[in-house]
Amino acid sequence: MLFSDTFLTIEQSAEIVFKEKGSKFFAFAFPVENENQIKERINHLKKNHPSANHHCYAYRLGADKLIFRANDDGEPNHTAGKPILGQIQSNDLTDVLIVVVRYFGGTLLGVSGLIQAYKTAAAEVIRECCIIEKQILHSYTVNFPFDQLNEVMKLFKQMECKIIKQNFDSDCTINFRIRKANSEACEIKLRKITGIRLEYK
């Protein structure tokens, strides 16, 4: 089985307008990290587009991609949220929210027409995004005697650990992150140093 400790997401927000038989579809893509951010984005769009007929959306969260949702917001079942989610999945993205705001233009699109319109809107806004690869990081706190500082810092450099916070006194405490692929080897090496206390956050 192939092992990966990276995932794809979008670097920044994007927006496009797509028109189909008089209806306007405003598609928005946002990088997000949790469901609170998602609620804020959706509520903000509803305030900015109060006269829109629908605010349909889909999102996926987490490096494992296990948290996701699709919402049709009044459109026929599975004609809006599911096609949007499908574009997120086909581009293998996570930590992303896509909202498509529809202003009805007077002409019914039918089930297949709606599916195609929301799929196209989502696909086009993703094309406007800069897709980036992020590492899955594990966070730790390590505590150790001051006389072990050189050995710990040497190991940090070797394992490419990123120091988040540090406090050097008679005892030293460092909060750090390391990519998932290197975390187990780093743990083993740290625990071999005398006086080390290591905590996974």
Protein backbone atom coordinates (compact mmCIF):
# COMPACT_ATOMS: atom_id res chain seq x y z
CA MET A 1 0.00 0.00 0.00
CA LEU A 2 1.34 3.42 -0.94
CA PHE A 3 1.88 5.73 2.00
CA SER A 4 1.26 9.45 1.69
CA ASP A 5 1.62 12.14 4.33
CA THR A 6 0.49 14.97 2.07
CA PHE A 7 -2.86 16.22 0.80
CA LEU A 8 -4.15 18.68 -1.80
CA THR A 9 -6.08 21.84 -0.98
CA ILE A 10 -6.53 25.35 -2.38
CA GLU A 11 -4.24 28.22 -1.47
CA GLN A 12 -6.78 31.03 -1.48
CA SER A 13 -10.39 31.92 -2.25
CA ALA A 14 -11.74 32.22 -5.78
CA GLU A 15 -15.02 33.10 -7.45
CA ILE A 16 -16.60 32.86 -10.90
CA VAL A 17 -19.99 33.58 -12.52
CA PHE A 18 -21.62 30.98 -14.77
CA LYS A 19 -24.82 31.60 -16.76
CA GLU A 20 -27.26 28.98 -18.03
CA LYS A 21 -30.62 29.80 -19.70
CA GLY A 22 -31.02 33.05 -17.81
CA SER A 23 -30.01 31.69 -14.40
CA LYS A 24 -26.82 33.05 -12.85
CA PHE A 25 -24.60 30.77 -10.79
CA PHE A 26 -22.04 32.52 -8.59
CA ALA A 27 -19.49 29.92 -7.49
CA PHE A 28 -17.15 30.53 -4.55
CA ALA A 29 -14.27 28.35 -3.33
CA PHE A 30 -12.72 28.82 0.12
CA PRO A 31 -9.87 27.13 1.98
CA VAL A 32 -11.28 26.05 5.37
CA GLU A 33 -10.04 24.08 8.36
CA ASN A 34 -13.19 23.47 10.44
CA GLU A 35 -16.98 23.59 10.40
CA ASN A 36 -17.12 26.92 12.22
CA GLN A 37 -15.25 28.57 9.35
CA ILE A 38 -17.67 26.91 6.93
CA LYS A 39 -20.71 28.32 8.76
CA GLU A 40 -19.16 31.80 8.76
CA ARG A 41 -18.50 31.68 5.01
CA ILE A 42 -22.00 30.47 4.17
CA ASN A 43 -23.68 33.02 6.45
CA HIS A 44 -21.56 35.78 4.92
CA LEU A 45 -22.64 34.80 1.40
CA LYS A 46 -26.30 34.66 2.45
CA LYS A 47 -26.01 38.24 3.77
CA ASN A 48 -24.29 39.36 0.55
CA HIS A 49 -26.82 37.57 -1.68
CA PRO A 50 -30.11 37.81 0.24
CA SER A 51 -32.29 37.70 -2.90
CA ALA A 52 -30.67 34.58 -4.37
CA ASN A 53 -32.94 31.55 -4.76
CA HIS A 54 -30.43 28.96 -3.55
CA HIS A 55 -27.11 28.79 -1.67
CA CYS A 56 -25.95 25.25 -2.44
CA TYR A 57 -22.65 23.94 -1.16
CA ALA A 58 -20.33 21.04 -0.46
CA TYR A 59 -17.20 20.67 1.62
CA ARG A 60 -14.58 18.16 2.67
CA LEU A 61 -12.30 18.42 5.71
CA GLY A 62 -9.25 16.68 7.12
CA ALA A 63 -6.20 14.99 5.67
CA ASP A 64 -8.10 11.68 5.87
CA LYS A 65 -11.01 13.29 3.93
CA LEU A 66 -13.58 11.59 6.15
CA ILE A 67 -15.61 14.72 7.00
CA PHE A 68 -17.76 15.92 4.11
CA ARG A 69 -21.23 17.20 3.35
CA ALA A 70 -23.38 18.24 0.39
CA ASN A 71 -26.42 20.54 0.65
CA ASP A 72 -29.01 21.17 -2.11
CA ASP A 73 -30.64 24.15 -0.30
CA GLY A 74 -34.05 23.62 -1.86
CA GLU A 75 -32.99 22.34 -5.27
CA PRO A 76 -34.25 18.83 -6.17
CA ASN A 77 -32.40 16.10 -4.24
CA HIS A 78 -28.85 15.42 -5.39
CA THR A 79 -28.94 18.01 -8.22
CA ALA A 80 -26.68 20.61 -6.57
CA GLY A 81 -24.67 19.60 -3.51
CA LYS A 82 -23.70 16.19 -4.86
CA PRO A 83 -22.33 17.50 -8.21
CA ILE A 84 -20.35 20.14 -6.29
CA LEU A 85 -18.93 17.50 -3.94
CA GLY A 86 -18.14 15.36 -6.95
CA GLN A 87 -15.82 18.06 -8.29
CA ILE A 88 -14.05 18.34 -4.93
CA GLN A 89 -13.55 14.57 -4.93
CA SER A 90 -12.46 14.28 -8.56
CA ASN A 91 -9.76 16.92 -7.92
CA ASP A 92 -8.77 15.03 -4.71
CA LEU A 93 -9.15 18.18 -2.60
CA THR A 94 -9.78 18.57 1.11
CA ASP A 95 -10.05 21.46 3.58
CA VAL A 96 -12.19 23.18 0.95
CA LEU A 97 -15.70 24.65 0.77
CA ILE A 98 -17.49 25.40 -2.51
CA VAL A 99 -20.72 27.40 -2.48
CA VAL A 100 -22.80 28.00 -5.60
CA VAL A 101 -25.33 30.84 -5.29
CA ARG A 102 -28.13 30.66 -7.86
CA TYR A 103 -30.37 33.43 -9.13
CA PHE A 104 -33.23 31.82 -11.03
CA GLY A 105 -33.65 33.20 -14.55
CA GLY A 106 -37.19 32.04 -15.27
CA THR A 107 -36.38 28.91 -17.31
CA LEU A 108 -36.48 25.51 -15.63
CA LEU A 109 -33.32 23.51 -16.28
CA GLY A 110 -34.65 20.07 -15.35
CA VAL A 111 -32.80 17.54 -13.21
CA SER A 112 -30.03 16.79 -15.71
CA GLY A 113 -29.65 20.50 -16.52
CA LEU A 114 -29.28 21.41 -12.85
CA ILE A 115 -26.72 18.66 -12.25
CA GLN A 116 -24.66 19.85 -15.22
CA ALA A 117 -24.93 23.53 -14.23
CA TYR A 118 -23.77 22.99 -10.64
CA LYS A 119 -21.04 20.61 -11.78
CA THR A 120 -19.79 23.16 -14.32
CA ALA A 121 -19.88 26.04 -11.82
CA ALA A 122 -17.88 24.02 -9.28
CA ALA A 123 -15.39 22.83 -11.90
CA GLU A 124 -14.81 26.36 -13.19
CA VAL A 125 -14.20 27.87 -9.75
CA ILE A 126 -11.73 25.08 -8.92
CA ARG A 127 -9.89 25.90 -12.16
CA GLU A 128 -9.49 29.45 -10.85
CA CYS A 129 -7.82 28.16 -7.67
CA CYS A 130 -4.16 27.56 -7.02
CA ILE A 131 -4.01 23.94 -5.84
CA ILE A 132 -1.22 23.26 -3.35
CA GLU A 133 0.18 20.22 -1.58
CA LYS A 134 0.39 20.32 2.21
CA GLN A 135 2.19 17.98 4.58
CA ILE A 136 0.37 16.15 7.36
CA LEU A 137 2.13 17.31 10.54
CA HIS A 138 2.22 15.78 14.01
CA SER A 139 2.63 18.09 17.02
CA TYR A 140 4.63 17.32 20.15
CA THR A 141 5.86 18.90 23.36
CA VAL A 142 9.26 17.76 24.62
CA ASN A 143 10.76 18.54 28.02
CA PHE A 144 14.40 17.81 28.90
CA PRO A 145 17.35 18.96 31.07
CA PHE A 146 19.29 21.97 29.77
CA ASP A 147 22.48 19.92 29.36
CA GLN A 148 20.74 17.88 26.65
CA LEU A 149 19.90 20.96 24.56
CA ASN A 150 22.64 20.50 21.95
CA GLU A 151 21.72 16.88 21.35
CA VAL A 152 18.01 17.70 21.00
CA MET A 153 18.62 20.62 18.63
CA LYS A 154 20.96 18.50 16.52
CA LEU A 155 18.23 15.87 16.20
CA PHE A 156 15.63 18.53 15.34
CA LYS A 157 17.82 19.76 12.49
CA GLN A 158 18.44 16.23 11.26
CA MET A 159 14.71 15.33 11.31
CA GLU A 160 13.58 18.73 9.95
CA CYS A 161 11.39 19.54 12.96
CA LYS A 162 9.64 22.91 13.00
CA ILE A 163 9.86 24.64 16.39
CA ILE A 164 6.63 26.42 17.33
CA LYS A 165 7.50 27.59 20.86
CA GLN A 166 10.51 27.16 23.13
CA ASN A 167 11.49 27.95 26.70
CA PHE A 168 15.06 27.41 27.91
CA ASP A 169 15.65 27.30 31.66
CA SER A 170 17.13 24.68 33.98
CA ASP A 171 14.60 22.46 32.22
CA CYS A 172 13.80 23.11 28.55
CA THR A 173 10.40 22.84 26.87
CA ILE A 174 9.88 22.90 23.12
CA ASN A 175 6.66 22.63 21.14
CA PHE A 176 7.38 21.36 17.66
CA ARG A 177 5.84 19.84 14.55
CA ILE A 178 7.19 17.19 12.23
CA ARG A 179 5.80 15.64 9.08
CA LYS A 180 3.90 12.42 9.69
CA ALA A 181 6.33 10.27 7.68
CA ASN A 182 9.21 11.20 10.01
CA SER A 183 7.31 11.29 13.31
CA GLU A 184 7.84 7.68 14.44
CA ALA A 185 11.60 7.74 13.78
CA CYS A 186 11.86 11.09 15.58
CA GLU A 187 10.00 9.72 18.62
CA ILE A 188 12.33 6.71 18.84
CA LYS A 189 15.46 8.86 18.65
CA LEU A 190 14.20 11.43 21.16
CA ARG A 191 13.27 8.77 23.72
CA LYS A 192 16.86 7.48 23.64
CA ILE A 193 18.07 10.84 25.04
CA THR A 194 18.43 10.79 28.84
CA GLY A 195 15.78 12.77 30.76
CA ILE A 196 13.44 13.29 27.81
CA ARG A 197 9.71 13.60 28.43
CA LEU A 198 7.74 13.56 25.18
CA GLU A 199 4.04 14.27 24.75
CA TYR A 200 2.00 13.91 21.54
CA LYS A 201 -0.45 16.80 21.17
